[in-house]
Amino acid sequence: MDTSASRHTLPAAPASRGRRGFTLVELLVAITILAIVAVLGWRGLDGIVRARVALTADMEQTRGMQLAFAQMQRDTSQLVDLDAIPGRVPVVVEPGRIVLVRKVFAEYQPSRIQLVSYSVQGGVLSRRESQPTRDLNELDALWLSVTSDTDGATRVALESSVADMSVRTWMNDGAGWRVPGVDAVSSSPSGPASAATLAVPTGIEVTIRMSDRPGALVKTFLLGPV
């Protein structure tokens, strides 16, 4: 028996391949791409936040002006009749100011009259009201104090960032809209006058311009109950 048997040799194990990592250039490229994506994402988020803040501020300003116009609507609808204040006018329009006499109703009390003033000072649209009264002499004194800002009444700020408020009046005489200083309603109402000489408007147009937005807000009010 041949002792020199053929020997089966095992195949040589393949050489293990070395694992290849990222090169420095590849890492720099990846970091650069991530940085660009992060900057773009931050700018987009910052733009969304800024737009939301601006939209919220605009909505708050619009809401404030709606409330101010609603208060004006309420006051003008309660304008006193000429018969209740003989020889006097119930509304006076001056540059940057509206002063009107309105009726006040309280529970278990007789109706009284009250002066209400709207004006713009220091970029703030504010409203003031006097104490209600039934005495016409006291009304004359209140009118003088309100128009001269000496009545001590507390101002209620309705809206800020107001650049200007202009008012026009409407009378049913075919002349159309008028500006303060042109019609008789802009004269002083504190003294008695003949009823034939009193020219009382039937409507007013209020134009408010804001300092931080273009254009103007315009609202028309009918005077007295509709």
Protein backbone atom coordinates (compact mmCIF):
# COMPACT_ATOMS: atom_id res chain seq x y z
CA MET A 1 0.00 0.00 0.00
CA ASP A 2 1.36 3.30 -1.03
CA THR A 3 1.97 5.32 2.06
CA SER A 4 2.51 8.41 0.02
CA ALA A 5 -1.15 9.24 -0.24
CA SER A 6 -2.02 12.42 -1.90
CA ARG A 7 -2.66 15.13 0.55
CA HIS A 8 -5.53 17.52 -0.01
CA THR A 9 -4.42 21.03 0.71
CA LEU A 10 -6.96 23.55 2.01
CA PRO A 11 -7.42 26.66 -0.11
CA ALA A 12 -5.71 29.65 1.26
CA ALA A 13 -7.99 32.04 3.18
CA PRO A 14 -8.49 35.25 1.27
CA ALA A 15 -6.76 38.23 2.75
CA SER A 16 -9.17 40.31 4.84
CA ARG A 17 -10.06 43.59 3.18
CA GLY A 18 -9.29 46.61 5.28
CA ARG A 19 -12.31 48.81 6.15
CA ARG A 20 -12.09 52.25 4.50
CA GLY A 21 -13.37 55.33 6.49
CA PHE A 22 -14.38 58.86 5.43
CA THR A 23 -11.69 61.10 4.25
CA LEU A 24 -11.21 64.60 5.61
CA VAL A 25 -12.52 66.11 2.38
CA GLU A 26 -15.73 64.07 2.58
CA LEU A 27 -16.30 65.15 6.19
CA LEU A 28 -15.78 68.79 5.27
CA VAL A 29 -18.26 68.50 2.40
CA ALA A 30 -20.87 66.86 4.65
CA ILE A 31 -20.42 69.49 7.36
CA THR A 32 -20.72 72.26 4.77
CA ILE A 33 -23.96 70.81 3.39
CA LEU A 34 -25.43 70.45 6.88
CA ALA A 35 -24.45 74.05 7.70
CA ILE A 36 -26.16 75.34 4.54
CA VAL A 37 -29.32 73.37 5.30
CA ALA A 38 -29.32 74.66 8.90
CA VAL A 39 -28.94 78.29 7.75
CA LEU A 40 -31.73 77.94 5.20
CA GLY A 41 -33.98 76.33 7.81
CA TRP A 42 -33.23 79.06 10.36
CA ARG A 43 -33.95 81.82 7.87
CA GLY A 44 -37.22 80.20 6.92
CA LEU A 45 -38.25 79.80 10.56
CA ASP A 46 -37.19 83.37 11.35
CA GLY A 47 -39.28 84.65 8.44
CA ILE A 48 -42.31 82.71 9.67
CA VAL A 49 -41.91 84.08 13.20
CA ARG A 50 -41.50 87.65 11.96
CA ALA A 51 -44.54 87.34 9.70
CA ARG A 52 -46.59 85.95 12.57
CA VAL A 53 -45.55 88.80 14.88
CA ALA A 54 -46.39 91.41 12.23
CA LEU A 55 -49.73 89.73 11.48
CA THR A 56 -50.61 89.59 15.19
CA ALA A 57 -49.77 93.27 15.64
CA ASP A 58 -51.83 94.19 12.57
CA MET A 59 -54.78 92.18 13.83
CA GLU A 60 -54.57 93.83 17.26
CA GLN A 61 -54.46 97.26 15.65
CA THR A 62 -57.43 96.44 13.43
CA ARG A 63 -59.36 95.12 16.41
CA GLY A 64 -58.56 98.27 18.39
CA MET A 65 -59.83 100.51 15.59
CA GLN A 66 -62.98 98.42 15.25
CA LEU A 67 -63.67 98.88 18.96
CA ALA A 68 -62.99 102.62 18.69
CA PHE A 69 -65.38 102.97 15.76
CA ALA A 70 -67.97 100.88 17.59
CA GLN A 71 -67.75 103.26 20.57
CA MET A 72 -68.15 106.24 18.22
CA GLN A 73 -71.16 104.57 16.66
CA ARG A 74 -72.75 104.13 20.07
CA ASP A 75 -72.10 107.73 21.10
CA THR A 76 -73.35 109.27 17.85
CA SER A 77 -76.50 107.15 17.92
CA GLN A 78 -77.33 108.60 21.37
CA LEU A 79 -76.94 112.21 20.28
CA VAL A 80 -79.27 114.51 22.20
CA ASP A 81 -82.18 116.27 20.48
CA LEU A 82 -82.11 120.02 19.89
CA ASP A 83 -85.23 120.41 22.03
CA ALA A 84 -83.33 119.13 25.07
CA ILE A 85 -80.58 121.78 24.75
CA PRO A 86 -82.30 124.89 23.35
CA GLY A 87 -80.00 127.41 21.71
CA ARG A 88 -77.11 124.95 21.60
CA VAL A 89 -75.76 122.45 19.08
CA PRO A 90 -75.25 118.79 20.04
CA VAL A 91 -71.97 118.27 18.18
CA VAL A 92 -68.89 120.37 17.43
CA VAL A 93 -66.17 119.33 15.01
CA GLU A 94 -62.71 120.86 15.28
CA PRO A 95 -59.37 119.85 13.76
CA GLY A 96 -58.40 116.64 15.53
CA ARG A 97 -61.35 116.73 17.92
CA ILE A 98 -65.02 115.72 18.11
CA VAL A 99 -67.21 116.90 20.98
CA LEU A 100 -70.81 115.76 21.23
CA VAL A 101 -73.68 115.78 23.68
CA ARG A 102 -75.34 112.42 24.19
CA LYS A 103 -78.23 111.12 26.25
CA VAL A 104 -77.45 108.93 29.24
CA PHE A 105 -79.93 106.44 30.64
CA ALA A 106 -79.48 104.80 34.03
CA GLU A 107 -81.73 102.37 35.82
CA TYR A 108 -84.26 104.01 38.14
CA GLN A 109 -82.96 107.47 37.22
CA PRO A 110 -84.20 110.21 34.84
CA SER A 111 -82.39 110.65 31.55
CA ARG A 112 -79.43 113.02 31.64
CA ILE A 113 -76.98 114.50 29.16
CA GLN A 114 -73.24 114.01 28.96
CA LEU A 115 -70.36 115.47 26.99
CA VAL A 116 -68.10 113.05 25.10
CA SER A 117 -64.86 114.12 23.45
CA TYR A 118 -62.62 112.28 20.96
CA SER A 119 -59.18 113.70 20.24
CA VAL A 120 -55.70 112.73 19.08
CA GLN A 121 -52.76 113.85 21.22
CA GLY A 122 -49.26 112.46 21.12
CA GLY A 123 -50.25 109.84 18.55
CA VAL A 124 -52.97 108.40 20.81
CA LEU A 125 -56.68 108.45 20.02
CA SER A 126 -58.47 108.92 23.33
CA ARG A 127 -62.01 109.36 24.60
CA ARG A 128 -63.19 111.48 27.54
CA GLU A 129 -66.63 111.87 29.05
CA SER A 130 -67.99 114.36 31.55
CA GLN A 131 -70.26 113.76 34.50
CA PRO A 132 -73.92 113.42 33.47
CA THR A 133 -76.09 116.43 34.25
CA ARG A 134 -79.57 117.87 33.75
CA ASP A 135 -78.54 121.52 34.22
CA LEU A 136 -77.88 123.47 31.00
CA ASN A 137 -75.73 126.02 32.80
CA GLU A 138 -73.58 123.19 34.10
CA LEU A 139 -73.48 121.82 30.56
CA ASP A 140 -72.05 125.12 29.30
CA ALA A 141 -69.36 125.04 31.98
CA LEU A 142 -68.56 121.43 31.20
CA TRP A 143 -68.27 122.24 27.51
CA LEU A 144 -65.73 124.95 28.14
CA SER A 145 -63.70 122.70 30.45
CA VAL A 146 -63.76 119.79 28.01
CA THR A 147 -62.66 121.85 25.02
CA SER A 148 -59.90 123.44 27.08
CA ASP A 149 -58.83 120.12 28.66
CA THR A 150 -59.31 121.49 32.19
CA ASP A 151 -62.13 119.24 33.36
CA GLY A 152 -59.80 116.65 34.87
CA ALA A 153 -61.67 113.77 33.27
CA THR A 154 -59.67 110.61 32.72
CA ARG A 155 -58.61 109.91 29.16
CA VAL A 156 -59.31 106.42 27.89
CA ALA A 157 -56.77 105.46 25.23
CA LEU A 158 -58.49 103.74 22.32
CA GLU A 159 -55.61 103.30 19.88
CA SER A 160 -51.96 104.31 19.63
CA SER A 161 -49.74 105.01 16.59
CA VAL A 162 -52.36 107.42 15.23
CA ALA A 163 -50.85 110.03 12.93
CA ASP A 164 -53.93 112.13 12.23
CA MET A 165 -57.71 112.28 12.59
CA SER A 166 -59.77 114.41 10.25
CA VAL A 167 -63.54 114.84 10.33
CA ARG A 168 -66.06 116.12 7.79
CA THR A 169 -69.71 116.92 8.41
CA TRP A 170 -72.75 116.35 6.25
CA MET A 171 -75.81 118.59 6.19
CA ASN A 172 -78.97 118.15 4.21
CA ASP A 173 -78.61 121.45 2.37
CA GLY A 174 -77.19 120.24 -0.92
CA ALA A 175 -73.68 121.52 -0.16
CA GLY A 176 -72.23 118.05 0.50
CA TRP A 177 -69.40 117.33 2.88
CA ARG A 178 -67.87 120.20 4.84
CA VAL A 179 -64.67 120.57 6.83
CA PRO A 180 -64.29 122.17 10.28
CA GLY A 181 -64.26 125.94 10.20
CA VAL A 182 -66.60 126.15 7.21
CA ASP A 183 -70.00 125.25 8.63
CA ALA A 184 -71.81 126.80 11.56
CA VAL A 185 -71.48 123.66 13.66
CA SER A 186 -67.82 124.46 14.24
CA SER A 187 -68.65 127.63 16.19
CA SER A 188 -68.86 127.72 19.96
CA PRO A 189 -72.15 126.23 21.21
CA SER A 190 -71.86 127.48 24.80
CA GLY A 191 -74.04 130.55 24.31
CA PRO A 192 -77.74 130.62 23.40
CA ALA A 193 -78.59 131.23 19.77
CA SER A 194 -81.61 131.41 17.59
CA ALA A 195 -82.84 128.01 16.46
CA ALA A 196 -83.01 129.31 12.90
CA THR A 197 -79.27 130.09 12.91
CA LEU A 198 -78.19 126.66 14.16
CA ALA A 199 -76.93 124.34 11.47
CA VAL A 200 -76.69 120.81 12.81
CA PRO A 201 -75.11 118.08 10.70
CA THR A 202 -76.88 114.80 10.12
CA GLY A 203 -73.72 112.77 9.68
CA ILE A 204 -69.96 112.85 10.16
CA GLU A 205 -67.10 111.15 8.34
CA VAL A 206 -64.07 110.22 10.45
CA THR A 207 -60.75 109.53 8.71
CA ILE A 208 -57.90 108.10 10.78
CA ARG A 209 -54.39 107.68 9.44
CA MET A 210 -51.99 105.38 11.23
CA SER A 211 -48.30 106.16 11.49
CA ASP A 212 -47.17 102.61 10.72
CA ARG A 213 -49.45 101.63 7.83
CA PRO A 214 -50.31 103.16 4.46
CA GLY A 215 -53.71 104.49 3.55
CA ALA A 216 -56.42 105.57 5.95
CA LEU A 217 -59.39 104.13 7.83
CA VAL A 218 -62.64 105.91 6.99
CA LYS A 219 -65.95 105.50 8.81
CA THR A 220 -69.24 107.37 8.33
CA PHE A 221 -71.72 107.83 11.18
CA LEU A 222 -75.30 109.01 11.14
CA LEU A 223 -76.05 111.36 14.02
CA GLY A 224 -78.93 110.48 16.25
CA PRO A 225 -81.03 107.31 16.37
CA VAL A 226 -81.53 105.55 13.07
